Protein backbone atom coordinates (compact mmCIF):
# COMPACT_ATOMS: atom_id res chain seq x y z
CA MET A 1 108.08 144.95 126.51
CA ALA A 2 110.73 146.65 128.61
CA PRO A 3 114.04 147.01 126.76
CA ALA A 4 117.20 146.41 128.79
CA ASN A 5 118.80 149.49 127.26
CA PRO A 6 118.00 152.59 129.40
CA LEU A 7 118.61 154.85 126.41
CA THR A 8 116.04 152.96 124.34
CA GLN A 9 113.52 153.25 127.18
CA GLN A 10 114.23 156.97 127.43
CA VAL A 11 113.64 157.44 123.71
CA ILE A 12 110.39 155.46 123.86
CA ASP A 13 109.18 157.55 126.80
CA ARG A 14 110.04 160.73 124.91
CA ILE A 15 108.13 159.59 121.82
CA ILE A 16 105.10 158.62 123.91
CA THR A 17 105.19 162.02 125.62
CA VAL A 18 105.40 163.91 122.33
CA LEU A 19 102.61 161.85 120.77
CA GLY A 20 100.51 162.48 123.87
CA LEU A 21 101.02 166.23 123.63
CA ILE A 22 100.15 166.25 119.94
CA THR A 23 97.05 164.15 120.58
CA THR A 24 95.85 166.51 123.32
CA GLY A 25 96.10 169.41 120.90
CA ALA A 26 99.51 170.89 121.65
CA ASP A 27 100.01 172.06 118.09
CA TYR A 28 101.92 175.20 119.07
CA PHE A 29 105.18 173.32 118.59
CA TYR A 30 103.94 170.88 115.96
CA THR A 31 103.01 172.58 112.70
CA PRO A 32 102.25 170.34 109.72
CA ALA A 33 103.83 171.50 106.47
CA ALA A 34 100.50 171.05 104.69
């Protein structure tokens, strides 16, 4: 599941990193509008 496009891989890595931070409780930059 490794895309040949480096940009796509970079975006995927960025999303995984952000999701990881949110999951670990880094809600100082992620504030739900609820």
